[in-house]
Amino acid sequence: MKSLIIKGSKRESVGKAASKALRNAGRVPCVLYGGDEPMHFHADEREFKDLIYTPDTHTVVIELEDGSKHEAIMQDVQFHPVTDRILHVDFYRLYPDKEVTVVVPVKTKGIAPGVVKGGKLFYNERKLRIRAIPANLPDYVEIDISNLDLNDKVYVSELRNDKYKILHPDNVVVVQIKMSRAAIKAAQEAAKAEKEAEK
């Protein structure tokens, strides 16, 4: 999984007034959980652009002014209800031998025969929750659709592998090829024309 660097500084004081002062200065209050005790720090609002405003999932290396580095994953982000500015971000510390749960996007490769015939590719799940040690976290779950015909489906059970666990039931449909409305209409009209011709 790709990693991003966020440069920050430890917070001297914690509380509503201190957090408000940080936000007014264009900084985002953050907490890193998963150690002996939570670590409070803050970072420039612009540092989060590539982490939050993207469909992709990344691990993060938090680099602090004291020279310390902390590998983590974003757990939660809070936005202002009106302005949509980032109010607060929670991170969880990563350990090489400890599994972590993340949400990753679903991506497809290939051209489905069912789409060529007029069907449409539907994503029932655009993202999947997975669990793995940090070294095995994928950037995304890839599905080869080059064998999918009309009405074919891909289930979670078909995506299982040894590197990570998919935290969804086996019978969950991830993608499928459905007949498009235009294709259904064309098929109905063709059948109608065929009946008329038989009369």
N, C-alpha and C. Protein backbone atom coordinates (compact mmCIF):
# COMPACT_ATOMS: atom_id res chain seq x y z
N MET A 1 0.84 -1.19 0.00
CA MET A 1 0.00 0.00 0.00
C MET A 1 0.88 1.25 0.00
N LYS A 2 0.51 2.23 -0.82
CA LYS A 2 1.29 3.47 -0.90
C LYS A 2 1.25 4.22 0.42
N SER A 3 2.34 4.94 0.70
CA SER A 3 2.44 5.68 1.96
C SER A 3 2.63 7.16 1.69
N LEU A 4 2.00 7.99 2.51
CA LEU A 4 2.14 9.44 2.42
C LEU A 4 2.85 9.95 3.68
N ILE A 5 3.54 11.08 3.53
CA ILE A 5 4.21 11.69 4.69
C ILE A 5 3.39 12.90 5.15
N ILE A 6 3.14 12.96 6.45
CA ILE A 6 2.49 14.14 7.04
C ILE A 6 3.44 14.72 8.07
N LYS A 7 3.82 15.96 7.85
CA LYS A 7 4.74 16.63 8.79
C LYS A 7 3.92 17.37 9.83
N GLY A 8 4.23 17.14 11.09
CA GLY A 8 3.45 17.76 12.15
C GLY A 8 4.30 18.18 13.34
N SER A 9 3.62 18.71 14.34
CA SER A 9 4.26 19.14 15.58
C SER A 9 3.42 18.66 16.74
N LYS A 10 4.10 18.29 17.83
CA LYS A 10 3.37 17.84 19.02
C LYS A 10 2.60 19.02 19.60
N ARG A 11 1.43 18.71 20.15
CA ARG A 11 0.60 19.76 20.74
C ARG A 11 1.02 19.99 22.18
N GLU A 12 1.21 21.27 22.50
CA GLU A 12 1.60 21.62 23.88
C GLU A 12 0.39 21.53 24.80
N SER A 13 -0.74 22.05 24.32
CA SER A 13 -1.94 22.04 25.17
C SER A 13 -3.10 21.43 24.39
N VAL A 14 -3.97 20.71 25.12
CA VAL A 14 -5.11 20.03 24.52
C VAL A 14 -6.39 20.59 25.13
N GLY A 15 -7.38 20.81 24.28
CA GLY A 15 -8.65 21.35 24.77
C GLY A 15 -9.33 22.12 23.66
N LYS A 16 -10.58 22.52 23.92
CA LYS A 16 -11.36 23.20 22.88
C LYS A 16 -10.72 24.51 22.43
N ALA A 17 -10.27 25.31 23.40
CA ALA A 17 -9.69 26.62 23.07
C ALA A 17 -8.41 26.45 22.26
N ALA A 18 -7.57 25.50 22.67
CA ALA A 18 -6.31 25.26 21.96
C ALA A 18 -6.58 24.74 20.54
N SER A 19 -7.57 23.85 20.41
CA SER A 19 -7.92 23.29 19.09
C SER A 19 -8.45 24.38 18.17
N LYS A 20 -9.26 25.28 18.73
CA LYS A 20 -9.82 26.37 17.93
C LYS A 20 -8.72 27.30 17.44
N ALA A 21 -7.76 27.58 18.32
CA ALA A 21 -6.64 28.45 17.95
C ALA A 21 -5.82 27.81 16.81
N LEU A 22 -5.64 26.48 16.89
CA LEU A 22 -4.90 25.78 15.84
C LEU A 22 -5.63 25.88 14.51
N ARG A 23 -6.95 25.65 14.54
CA ARG A 23 -7.74 25.70 13.30
C ARG A 23 -7.71 27.10 12.68
N ASN A 24 -7.77 28.11 13.53
CA ASN A 24 -7.72 29.48 13.03
C ASN A 24 -6.39 29.78 12.35
N ALA A 25 -5.36 29.03 12.73
CA ALA A 25 -4.02 29.21 12.14
C ALA A 25 -3.80 28.27 10.95
N GLY A 26 -4.88 27.59 10.52
CA GLY A 26 -4.76 26.69 9.37
C GLY A 26 -4.15 25.34 9.71
N ARG A 27 -4.19 25.00 10.99
CA ARG A 27 -3.65 23.70 11.43
C ARG A 27 -4.80 22.76 11.80
N VAL A 28 -4.54 21.45 11.71
CA VAL A 28 -5.56 20.46 12.05
C VAL A 28 -5.11 19.68 13.29
N PRO A 29 -5.91 19.69 14.37
CA PRO A 29 -5.58 18.89 15.55
C PRO A 29 -5.73 17.40 15.23
N CYS A 30 -4.77 16.59 15.67
CA CYS A 30 -4.79 15.15 15.40
C CYS A 30 -4.43 14.36 16.65
N VAL A 31 -4.86 13.10 16.65
CA VAL A 31 -4.48 12.19 17.74
C VAL A 31 -4.01 10.88 17.11
N LEU A 32 -2.88 10.36 17.61
CA LEU A 32 -2.38 9.07 17.19
C LEU A 32 -2.61 8.06 18.32
N TYR A 33 -3.45 7.08 18.05
CA TYR A 33 -3.77 6.05 19.04
C TYR A 33 -2.95 4.78 18.76
N GLY A 34 -2.98 3.86 19.73
CA GLY A 34 -2.35 2.57 19.51
C GLY A 34 -1.02 2.38 20.21
N GLY A 35 -0.54 3.42 20.90
CA GLY A 35 0.69 3.29 21.68
C GLY A 35 0.37 3.13 23.15
N ASP A 36 1.35 3.43 24.00
CA ASP A 36 1.11 3.36 25.45
C ASP A 36 0.05 4.37 25.86
N GLU A 37 0.10 5.53 25.22
CA GLU A 37 -0.93 6.56 25.46
C GLU A 37 -1.12 7.37 24.18
N PRO A 38 -2.28 7.99 24.00
CA PRO A 38 -2.52 8.75 22.76
C PRO A 38 -1.52 9.90 22.62
N MET A 39 -1.08 10.13 21.37
CA MET A 39 -0.14 11.23 21.11
C MET A 39 -0.89 12.33 20.35
N HIS A 40 -0.89 13.52 20.91
CA HIS A 40 -1.58 14.66 20.30
C HIS A 40 -0.59 15.48 19.47
N PHE A 41 -0.98 15.79 18.25
CA PHE A 41 -0.12 16.62 17.40
C PHE A 41 -0.99 17.44 16.45
N HIS A 42 -0.38 18.33 15.71
CA HIS A 42 -1.14 19.11 14.72
C HIS A 42 -0.32 19.21 13.44
N ALA A 43 -1.01 19.41 12.31
CA ALA A 43 -0.35 19.52 11.01
C ALA A 43 -1.08 20.53 10.15
N ASP A 44 -0.37 21.05 9.16
CA ASP A 44 -0.97 22.02 8.24
C ASP A 44 -2.12 21.37 7.48
N GLU A 45 -3.19 22.12 7.31
CA GLU A 45 -4.40 21.61 6.63
C GLU A 45 -4.08 21.05 5.25
N ARG A 46 -3.12 21.66 4.55
CA ARG A 46 -2.77 21.24 3.19
C ARG A 46 -2.11 19.86 3.14
N GLU A 47 -1.57 19.42 4.28
CA GLU A 47 -0.90 18.11 4.35
C GLU A 47 -1.89 16.96 4.08
N PHE A 48 -3.20 17.22 4.27
CA PHE A 48 -4.19 16.16 4.22
C PHE A 48 -4.87 16.02 2.85
N LYS A 49 -4.51 16.91 1.93
CA LYS A 49 -5.18 16.95 0.62
C LYS A 49 -5.14 15.58 -0.08
N ASP A 50 -3.95 14.97 -0.16
CA ASP A 50 -3.79 13.71 -0.89
C ASP A 50 -4.25 12.49 -0.08
N LEU A 51 -4.47 12.69 1.20
CA LEU A 51 -4.90 11.58 2.06
C LEU A 51 -6.42 11.46 2.12
N ILE A 52 -7.09 12.61 2.22
CA ILE A 52 -8.54 12.61 2.46
C ILE A 52 -9.35 12.77 1.17
N TYR A 53 -8.91 13.66 0.28
CA TYR A 53 -9.71 13.93 -0.92
C TYR A 53 -9.30 13.02 -2.07
N THR A 54 -9.40 11.72 -1.84
CA THR A 54 -9.04 10.72 -2.85
C THR A 54 -9.83 9.44 -2.58
N PRO A 55 -10.15 8.67 -3.62
CA PRO A 55 -10.84 7.39 -3.38
C PRO A 55 -9.87 6.32 -2.87
N ASP A 56 -8.56 6.58 -2.97
CA ASP A 56 -7.56 5.58 -2.58
C ASP A 56 -7.31 5.60 -1.08
N THR A 57 -6.76 4.49 -0.60
CA THR A 57 -6.39 4.36 0.81
C THR A 57 -4.87 4.34 0.91
N HIS A 58 -4.32 5.05 1.89
CA HIS A 58 -2.88 5.08 2.07
C HIS A 58 -2.52 4.84 3.53
N THR A 59 -1.31 4.31 3.74
CA THR A 59 -0.74 4.37 5.08
C THR A 59 -0.04 5.74 5.19
N VAL A 60 0.33 6.11 6.40
CA VAL A 60 0.88 7.44 6.63
C VAL A 60 2.14 7.33 7.50
N VAL A 61 3.14 8.13 7.16
CA VAL A 61 4.29 8.28 8.07
C VAL A 61 4.19 9.69 8.65
N ILE A 62 3.96 9.76 9.96
CA ILE A 62 3.86 11.06 10.63
C ILE A 62 5.26 11.46 11.08
N GLU A 63 5.77 12.54 10.49
CA GLU A 63 7.10 13.03 10.84
C GLU A 63 6.95 14.27 11.71
N LEU A 64 7.45 14.19 12.94
CA LEU A 64 7.31 15.31 13.88
C LEU A 64 8.60 16.14 13.93
N GLU A 65 8.45 17.37 14.44
CA GLU A 65 9.59 18.29 14.49
C GLU A 65 10.76 17.76 15.30
N ASP A 66 10.47 16.87 16.27
CA ASP A 66 11.55 16.33 17.11
C ASP A 66 12.34 15.22 16.40
N GLY A 67 11.98 14.94 15.12
CA GLY A 67 12.71 13.94 14.35
C GLY A 67 12.10 12.54 14.42
N SER A 68 11.10 12.35 15.27
CA SER A 68 10.48 11.03 15.40
C SER A 68 9.53 10.75 14.22
N LYS A 69 9.45 9.46 13.86
CA LYS A 69 8.56 9.05 12.76
C LYS A 69 7.63 7.96 13.27
N HIS A 70 6.37 8.04 12.86
CA HIS A 70 5.36 7.09 13.34
C HIS A 70 4.54 6.61 12.16
N GLU A 71 4.55 5.30 11.91
CA GLU A 71 3.75 4.74 10.81
C GLU A 71 2.33 4.52 11.32
N ALA A 72 1.35 4.96 10.52
CA ALA A 72 -0.04 4.92 11.00
C ALA A 72 -1.00 4.77 9.83
N ILE A 73 -2.27 4.62 10.19
CA ILE A 73 -3.35 4.60 9.20
C ILE A 73 -4.45 5.52 9.72
N MET A 74 -5.11 6.26 8.82
CA MET A 74 -6.16 7.16 9.25
C MET A 74 -7.39 6.35 9.66
N GLN A 75 -7.93 6.64 10.84
CA GLN A 75 -9.09 5.93 11.34
C GLN A 75 -10.37 6.74 11.20
N ASP A 76 -10.27 8.06 11.39
CA ASP A 76 -11.49 8.87 11.38
C ASP A 76 -11.14 10.32 11.06
N VAL A 77 -12.05 10.99 10.38
CA VAL A 77 -11.88 12.42 10.11
C VAL A 77 -13.21 13.13 10.34
N GLN A 78 -13.14 14.27 10.99
CA GLN A 78 -14.36 15.06 11.25
C GLN A 78 -14.30 16.35 10.45
N PHE A 79 -15.44 16.68 9.81
CA PHE A 79 -15.53 17.89 9.01
C PHE A 79 -16.50 18.88 9.66
N HIS A 80 -16.28 20.15 9.38
CA HIS A 80 -17.23 21.18 9.83
C HIS A 80 -18.52 21.00 9.05
N PRO A 81 -19.69 20.98 9.73
CA PRO A 81 -20.97 20.72 9.03
C PRO A 81 -21.34 21.76 7.98
N VAL A 82 -20.81 22.97 8.09
CA VAL A 82 -21.17 24.03 7.14
C VAL A 82 -20.06 24.28 6.12
N THR A 83 -18.84 24.48 6.62
CA THR A 83 -17.73 24.86 5.73
C THR A 83 -17.01 23.67 5.12
N ASP A 84 -17.22 22.46 5.69
CA ASP A 84 -16.54 21.24 5.22
C ASP A 84 -15.04 21.24 5.48
N ARG A 85 -14.56 22.19 6.28
CA ARG A 85 -13.13 22.18 6.64
C ARG A 85 -12.86 21.02 7.59
N ILE A 86 -11.63 20.52 7.55
CA ILE A 86 -11.25 19.40 8.43
C ILE A 86 -11.12 19.93 9.86
N LEU A 87 -11.87 19.31 10.77
CA LEU A 87 -11.83 19.73 12.18
C LEU A 87 -10.84 18.91 13.00
N HIS A 88 -10.77 17.60 12.69
CA HIS A 88 -9.97 16.72 13.54
C HIS A 88 -9.69 15.41 12.79
N VAL A 89 -8.51 14.84 13.00
CA VAL A 89 -8.18 13.55 12.36
C VAL A 89 -7.62 12.60 13.42
N ASP A 90 -8.12 11.37 13.40
CA ASP A 90 -7.60 10.32 14.28
C ASP A 90 -6.78 9.33 13.46
N PHE A 91 -5.62 8.96 13.99
CA PHE A 91 -4.77 7.96 13.35
C PHE A 91 -4.59 6.78 14.30
N TYR A 92 -4.26 5.63 13.72
CA TYR A 92 -3.97 4.45 14.53
C TYR A 92 -2.58 3.95 14.16
N ARG A 93 -1.73 3.75 15.16
CA ARG A 93 -0.35 3.34 14.94
C ARG A 93 -0.28 1.93 14.34
N LEU A 94 0.61 1.76 13.36
CA LEU A 94 0.80 0.46 12.72
C LEU A 94 2.00 -0.26 13.31
N TYR A 95 1.85 -1.56 13.51
CA TYR A 95 2.95 -2.41 13.95
C TYR A 95 3.14 -3.50 12.90
N PRO A 96 4.40 -3.85 12.55
CA PRO A 96 4.66 -4.79 11.46
C PRO A 96 3.94 -6.13 11.60
N ASP A 97 3.76 -6.61 12.85
CA ASP A 97 3.19 -7.94 13.04
C ASP A 97 1.73 -7.91 13.51
N LYS A 98 1.12 -6.72 13.51
CA LYS A 98 -0.24 -6.60 14.03
C LYS A 98 -1.21 -6.26 12.89
N GLU A 99 -2.27 -7.06 12.77
CA GLU A 99 -3.25 -6.83 11.70
C GLU A 99 -4.03 -5.54 11.95
N VAL A 100 -4.43 -4.91 10.86
CA VAL A 100 -5.22 -3.67 10.94
C VAL A 100 -6.34 -3.76 9.91
N THR A 101 -7.46 -3.10 10.21
CA THR A 101 -8.61 -3.10 9.29
C THR A 101 -8.64 -1.79 8.50
N VAL A 102 -8.76 -1.89 7.18
CA VAL A 102 -8.86 -0.70 6.34
C VAL A 102 -9.94 -0.92 5.28
N VAL A 103 -10.34 0.17 4.64
CA VAL A 103 -11.29 0.10 3.52
C VAL A 103 -10.54 0.45 2.25
N VAL A 104 -10.59 -0.43 1.25
CA VAL A 104 -9.88 -0.18 -0.01
C VAL A 104 -10.86 -0.20 -1.18
N PRO A 105 -10.54 0.55 -2.25
CA PRO A 105 -11.44 0.58 -3.40
C PRO A 105 -11.39 -0.72 -4.22
N VAL A 106 -12.46 -0.95 -4.98
CA VAL A 106 -12.54 -2.07 -5.92
C VAL A 106 -12.23 -1.53 -7.31
N LYS A 107 -11.32 -2.20 -8.03
CA LYS A 107 -11.01 -1.80 -9.40
C LYS A 107 -11.16 -3.01 -10.31
N THR A 108 -11.57 -2.76 -11.55
CA THR A 108 -11.75 -3.86 -12.50
C THR A 108 -10.74 -3.75 -13.63
N LYS A 109 -10.42 -4.91 -14.22
CA LYS A 109 -9.54 -4.91 -15.41
C LYS A 109 -10.17 -5.81 -16.46
N GLY A 110 -9.89 -5.50 -17.72
CA GLY A 110 -10.42 -6.30 -18.82
C GLY A 110 -11.73 -5.73 -19.35
N ILE A 111 -12.19 -6.33 -20.45
CA ILE A 111 -13.46 -5.94 -21.07
C ILE A 111 -14.41 -7.13 -20.97
N ALA A 112 -15.56 -6.91 -20.37
CA ALA A 112 -16.53 -7.99 -20.18
C ALA A 112 -17.31 -8.24 -21.46
N PRO A 113 -17.38 -9.51 -21.93
CA PRO A 113 -18.21 -9.83 -23.11
C PRO A 113 -19.65 -9.36 -22.96
N GLY A 114 -20.16 -9.42 -21.72
CA GLY A 114 -21.53 -8.99 -21.46
C GLY A 114 -21.74 -7.51 -21.73
N VAL A 115 -20.68 -6.70 -21.53
CA VAL A 115 -20.77 -5.26 -21.81
C VAL A 115 -20.77 -5.03 -23.32
N VAL A 116 -19.94 -5.81 -24.02
CA VAL A 116 -19.88 -5.71 -25.49
C VAL A 116 -21.25 -6.02 -26.10
N LYS A 117 -21.98 -6.92 -25.45
CA LYS A 117 -23.32 -7.31 -25.95
C LYS A 117 -24.41 -6.32 -25.54
N GLY A 118 -24.04 -5.24 -24.89
CA GLY A 118 -25.03 -4.23 -24.52
C GLY A 118 -25.36 -4.18 -23.05
N GLY A 119 -24.70 -5.02 -22.24
CA GLY A 119 -24.94 -4.98 -20.79
C GLY A 119 -24.18 -3.83 -20.14
N LYS A 120 -24.38 -3.68 -18.85
CA LYS A 120 -23.72 -2.60 -18.12
C LYS A 120 -23.07 -3.17 -16.87
N LEU A 121 -21.85 -2.68 -16.57
CA LEU A 121 -21.14 -3.13 -15.37
C LEU A 121 -21.63 -2.34 -14.16
N PHE A 122 -22.11 -3.06 -13.16
CA PHE A 122 -22.59 -2.43 -11.92
C PHE A 122 -21.67 -2.80 -10.76
N TYR A 123 -21.31 -1.79 -9.98
CA TYR A 123 -20.53 -2.02 -8.75
C TYR A 123 -21.52 -2.09 -7.58
N ASN A 124 -21.74 -3.27 -7.05
CA ASN A 124 -22.57 -3.37 -5.84
C ASN A 124 -21.78 -2.90 -4.62
N GLU A 125 -20.47 -3.12 -4.67
CA GLU A 125 -19.57 -2.66 -3.61
C GLU A 125 -18.41 -1.93 -4.27
N ARG A 126 -18.31 -0.63 -4.03
CA ARG A 126 -17.19 0.13 -4.60
C ARG A 126 -15.95 0.06 -3.71
N LYS A 127 -16.19 -0.31 -2.43
CA LYS A 127 -15.08 -0.44 -1.49
C LYS A 127 -15.29 -1.70 -0.65
N LEU A 128 -14.19 -2.28 -0.20
CA LEU A 128 -14.26 -3.47 0.64
C LEU A 128 -13.43 -3.27 1.90
N ARG A 129 -13.97 -3.77 3.02
CA ARG A 129 -13.22 -3.75 4.28
C ARG A 129 -12.32 -4.98 4.31
N ILE A 130 -11.03 -4.73 4.54
CA ILE A 130 -10.10 -5.85 4.61
C ILE A 130 -9.25 -5.75 5.87
N ARG A 131 -8.65 -6.89 6.24
CA ARG A 131 -7.80 -6.93 7.43
C ARG A 131 -6.50 -7.66 7.08
N ALA A 132 -5.36 -7.06 7.45
CA ALA A 132 -4.07 -7.66 7.14
C ALA A 132 -2.97 -6.99 7.95
N ILE A 133 -1.77 -7.62 7.94
CA ILE A 133 -0.62 -6.92 8.53
C ILE A 133 -0.23 -5.82 7.54
N PRO A 134 0.41 -4.73 7.99
CA PRO A 134 0.71 -3.58 7.11
C PRO A 134 1.41 -3.95 5.80
N ALA A 135 2.34 -4.91 5.84
CA ALA A 135 3.09 -5.28 4.62
C ALA A 135 2.20 -5.90 3.55
N ASN A 136 1.06 -6.47 3.95
CA ASN A 136 0.17 -7.14 2.99
C ASN A 136 -1.05 -6.31 2.59
N LEU A 137 -1.12 -5.07 3.04
CA LEU A 137 -2.27 -4.23 2.69
C LEU A 137 -2.20 -3.84 1.21
N PRO A 138 -3.23 -4.16 0.42
CA PRO A 138 -3.22 -3.79 -0.99
C PRO A 138 -3.72 -2.35 -1.20
N ASP A 139 -3.33 -1.75 -2.32
CA ASP A 139 -3.86 -0.42 -2.66
C ASP A 139 -5.33 -0.52 -3.04
N TYR A 140 -5.71 -1.67 -3.61
CA TYR A 140 -7.10 -1.89 -4.04
C TYR A 140 -7.30 -3.39 -4.25
N VAL A 141 -8.55 -3.80 -4.38
CA VAL A 141 -8.88 -5.18 -4.75
C VAL A 141 -9.24 -5.18 -6.23
N GLU A 142 -8.47 -5.94 -7.02
CA GLU A 142 -8.67 -5.94 -8.48
C GLU A 142 -9.50 -7.15 -8.90
N ILE A 143 -10.46 -6.91 -9.78
CA ILE A 143 -11.32 -7.98 -10.30
C ILE A 143 -11.19 -8.04 -11.82
N ASP A 144 -10.84 -9.21 -12.31
CA ASP A 144 -10.76 -9.42 -13.76
C ASP A 144 -12.17 -9.72 -14.28
N ILE A 145 -12.69 -8.83 -15.13
CA ILE A 145 -14.07 -9.00 -15.62
C ILE A 145 -14.11 -9.54 -17.06
N SER A 146 -12.95 -9.96 -17.59
CA SER A 146 -12.89 -10.35 -19.00
C SER A 146 -13.66 -11.63 -19.34
N ASN A 147 -14.14 -12.34 -18.31
CA ASN A 147 -14.95 -13.55 -18.56
C ASN A 147 -16.43 -13.37 -18.22
N LEU A 148 -16.80 -12.15 -17.84
CA LEU A 148 -18.18 -11.94 -17.39
C LEU A 148 -19.14 -11.71 -18.56
N ASP A 149 -20.17 -12.54 -18.62
CA ASP A 149 -21.20 -12.39 -19.64
C ASP A 149 -22.42 -11.72 -19.01
N LEU A 150 -23.48 -11.54 -19.78
CA LEU A 150 -24.70 -10.93 -19.26
C LEU A 150 -25.21 -11.70 -18.04
N ASN A 151 -25.59 -10.96 -17.02
CA ASN A 151 -26.14 -11.50 -15.76
C ASN A 151 -25.12 -12.24 -14.89
N ASP A 152 -23.84 -12.24 -15.28
CA ASP A 152 -22.80 -12.85 -14.43
C ASP A 152 -22.49 -11.95 -13.24
N LYS A 153 -22.09 -12.57 -12.14
CA LYS A 153 -21.78 -11.83 -10.91
C LYS A 153 -20.44 -12.32 -10.35
N VAL A 154 -19.77 -11.44 -9.62
CA VAL A 154 -18.56 -11.82 -8.90
C VAL A 154 -18.85 -11.67 -7.41
N TYR A 155 -18.67 -12.76 -6.69
CA TYR A 155 -18.94 -12.78 -5.24
C TYR A 155 -17.64 -12.62 -4.44
N VAL A 156 -17.80 -12.20 -3.20
CA VAL A 156 -16.66 -12.05 -2.30
C VAL A 156 -15.87 -13.37 -2.20
N SER A 157 -16.59 -14.49 -2.21
CA SER A 157 -15.93 -15.80 -2.09
C SER A 157 -14.89 -16.03 -3.18
N GLU A 158 -15.08 -15.38 -4.36
CA GLU A 158 -14.14 -15.56 -5.48
C GLU A 158 -12.91 -14.67 -5.35
N LEU A 159 -12.93 -13.76 -4.38
CA LEU A 159 -11.82 -12.79 -4.23
C LEU A 159 -10.92 -13.11 -3.04
N ARG A 160 -11.23 -14.18 -2.33
CA ARG A 160 -10.44 -14.54 -1.15
C ARG A 160 -8.99 -14.84 -1.55
N ASN A 161 -8.04 -14.46 -0.70
CA ASN A 161 -6.63 -14.83 -0.92
C ASN A 161 -5.91 -14.95 0.41
N ASP A 162 -4.64 -15.34 0.35
CA ASP A 162 -3.89 -15.62 1.58
C ASP A 162 -3.30 -14.38 2.24
N LYS A 163 -3.19 -13.28 1.49
CA LYS A 163 -2.49 -12.11 2.04
C LYS A 163 -3.36 -11.26 2.96
N TYR A 164 -4.67 -11.22 2.69
CA TYR A 164 -5.55 -10.40 3.53
C TYR A 164 -6.92 -11.06 3.62
N LYS A 165 -7.66 -10.68 4.68
CA LYS A 165 -9.01 -11.20 4.87
C LYS A 165 -10.00 -10.14 4.41
N ILE A 166 -11.01 -10.56 3.64
CA ILE A 166 -12.09 -9.64 3.25
C ILE A 166 -13.20 -9.79 4.28
N LEU A 167 -13.56 -8.69 4.93
CA LEU A 167 -14.50 -8.75 6.05
C LEU A 167 -15.96 -8.58 5.61
N HIS A 168 -16.32 -9.33 4.57
CA HIS A 168 -17.70 -9.34 4.07
C HIS A 168 -18.09 -10.81 3.89
N PRO A 169 -19.38 -11.14 4.02
CA PRO A 169 -19.81 -12.53 3.80
C PRO A 169 -19.51 -13.00 2.37
N ASP A 170 -19.27 -14.30 2.22
CA ASP A 170 -18.93 -14.88 0.91
C ASP A 170 -19.98 -14.61 -0.16
N ASN A 171 -21.28 -14.50 0.25
CA ASN A 171 -22.35 -14.38 -0.75
C ASN A 171 -22.64 -12.93 -1.17
N VAL A 172 -21.81 -11.99 -0.74
CA VAL A 172 -22.00 -10.59 -1.15
C VAL A 172 -21.52 -10.43 -2.59
N VAL A 173 -22.38 -9.84 -3.45
CA VAL A 173 -22.02 -9.57 -4.85
C VAL A 173 -21.22 -8.27 -4.90
N VAL A 174 -20.04 -8.32 -5.53
CA VAL A 174 -19.20 -7.12 -5.62
C VAL A 174 -19.46 -6.37 -6.92
N VAL A 175 -19.39 -7.09 -8.05
CA VAL A 175 -19.74 -6.48 -9.35
C VAL A 175 -20.61 -7.47 -10.13
N GLN A 176 -21.39 -6.93 -11.07
CA GLN A 176 -22.21 -7.79 -11.94
C GLN A 176 -22.48 -7.10 -13.26
N ILE A 177 -22.81 -7.91 -14.27
CA ILE A 177 -23.18 -7.37 -15.58
C ILE A 177 -24.69 -7.49 -15.72
N LYS A 178 -25.34 -6.34 -15.82
CA LYS A 178 -26.80 -6.33 -15.99
C LYS A 178 -27.15 -5.86 -17.39
N MET A 179 -28.29 -6.34 -17.84
CA MET A 179 -28.80 -5.83 -19.12
C MET A 179 -29.15 -4.36 -18.95
N SER A 180 -28.69 -3.52 -19.85
CA SER A 180 -29.07 -2.11 -19.78
C SER A 180 -30.51 -1.96 -20.26
N ARG A 181 -31.15 -0.87 -19.88
CA ARG A 181 -32.55 -0.66 -20.29
C ARG A 181 -32.69 -0.64 -21.81
N ALA A 182 -31.71 -0.04 -22.46
CA ALA A 182 -31.74 0.05 -23.93
C ALA A 182 -31.65 -1.34 -24.55
N ALA A 183 -30.77 -2.20 -23.95
CA ALA A 183 -30.59 -3.56 -24.47
C ALA A 183 -31.85 -4.39 -24.25
N ILE A 184 -32.48 -4.22 -23.07
CA ILE A 184 -33.73 -4.94 -22.77
C ILE A 184 -34.82 -4.53 -23.77
N LYS A 185 -34.89 -3.21 -24.00
CA LYS A 185 -35.91 -2.69 -24.93
C LYS A 185 -35.67 -3.22 -26.34
N ALA A 186 -34.39 -3.24 -26.75
CA ALA A 186 -34.05 -3.71 -28.09
C ALA A 186 -34.39 -5.20 -28.23
N ALA A 187 -34.12 -5.98 -27.17
CA ALA A 187 -34.41 -7.42 -27.19
C ALA A 187 -35.92 -7.65 -27.27
N GLN A 188 -36.68 -6.83 -26.51
CA GLN A 188 -38.15 -6.95 -26.53
C GLN A 188 -38.72 -6.61 -27.90
N GLU A 189 -38.16 -5.55 -28.49
CA GLU A 189 -38.63 -5.12 -29.82
C GLU A 189 -38.28 -6.16 -30.88
N ALA A 190 -37.10 -6.78 -30.72
CA ALA A 190 -36.68 -7.81 -31.70
C ALA A 190 -37.60 -9.02 -31.59
N ALA A 191 -37.94 -9.39 -30.37
CA ALA A 191 -38.83 -10.54 -30.15
C ALA A 191 -40.23 -10.24 -30.70
N LYS A 192 -40.67 -8.98 -30.52
CA LYS A 192 -41.99 -8.56 -31.00
C LYS A 192 -42.01 -8.61 -32.54
N ALA A 193 -40.93 -8.11 -33.15
CA ALA A 193 -40.83 -8.09 -34.61
C ALA A 193 -40.82 -9.51 -35.17
N GLU A 194 -40.15 -10.40 -34.42
CA GLU A 194 -40.05 -11.80 -34.85
C GLU A 194 -41.45 -12.46 -34.84
N LYS A 195 -42.22 -12.14 -33.79
CA LYS A 195 -43.59 -12.69 -33.68
C LYS A 195 -44.47 -12.17 -34.81
N GLU A 196 -44.31 -10.87 -35.10
CA GLU A 196 -45.10 -10.26 -36.17
C GLU A 196 -44.79 -10.93 -37.52
N ALA A 197 -43.49 -11.23 -37.70
CA ALA A 197 -43.05 -11.83 -38.97
C ALA A 197 -43.58 -13.25 -39.11
N GLU A 198 -43.79 -13.93 -37.98
CA GLU A 198 -44.28 -15.30 -38.03
C GLU A 198 -45.77 -15.37 -38.39
N LYS A 199 -46.48 -14.27 -38.18
CA LYS A 199 -47.94 -14.29 -38.44
C LYS A 199 -48.25 -14.39 -39.94
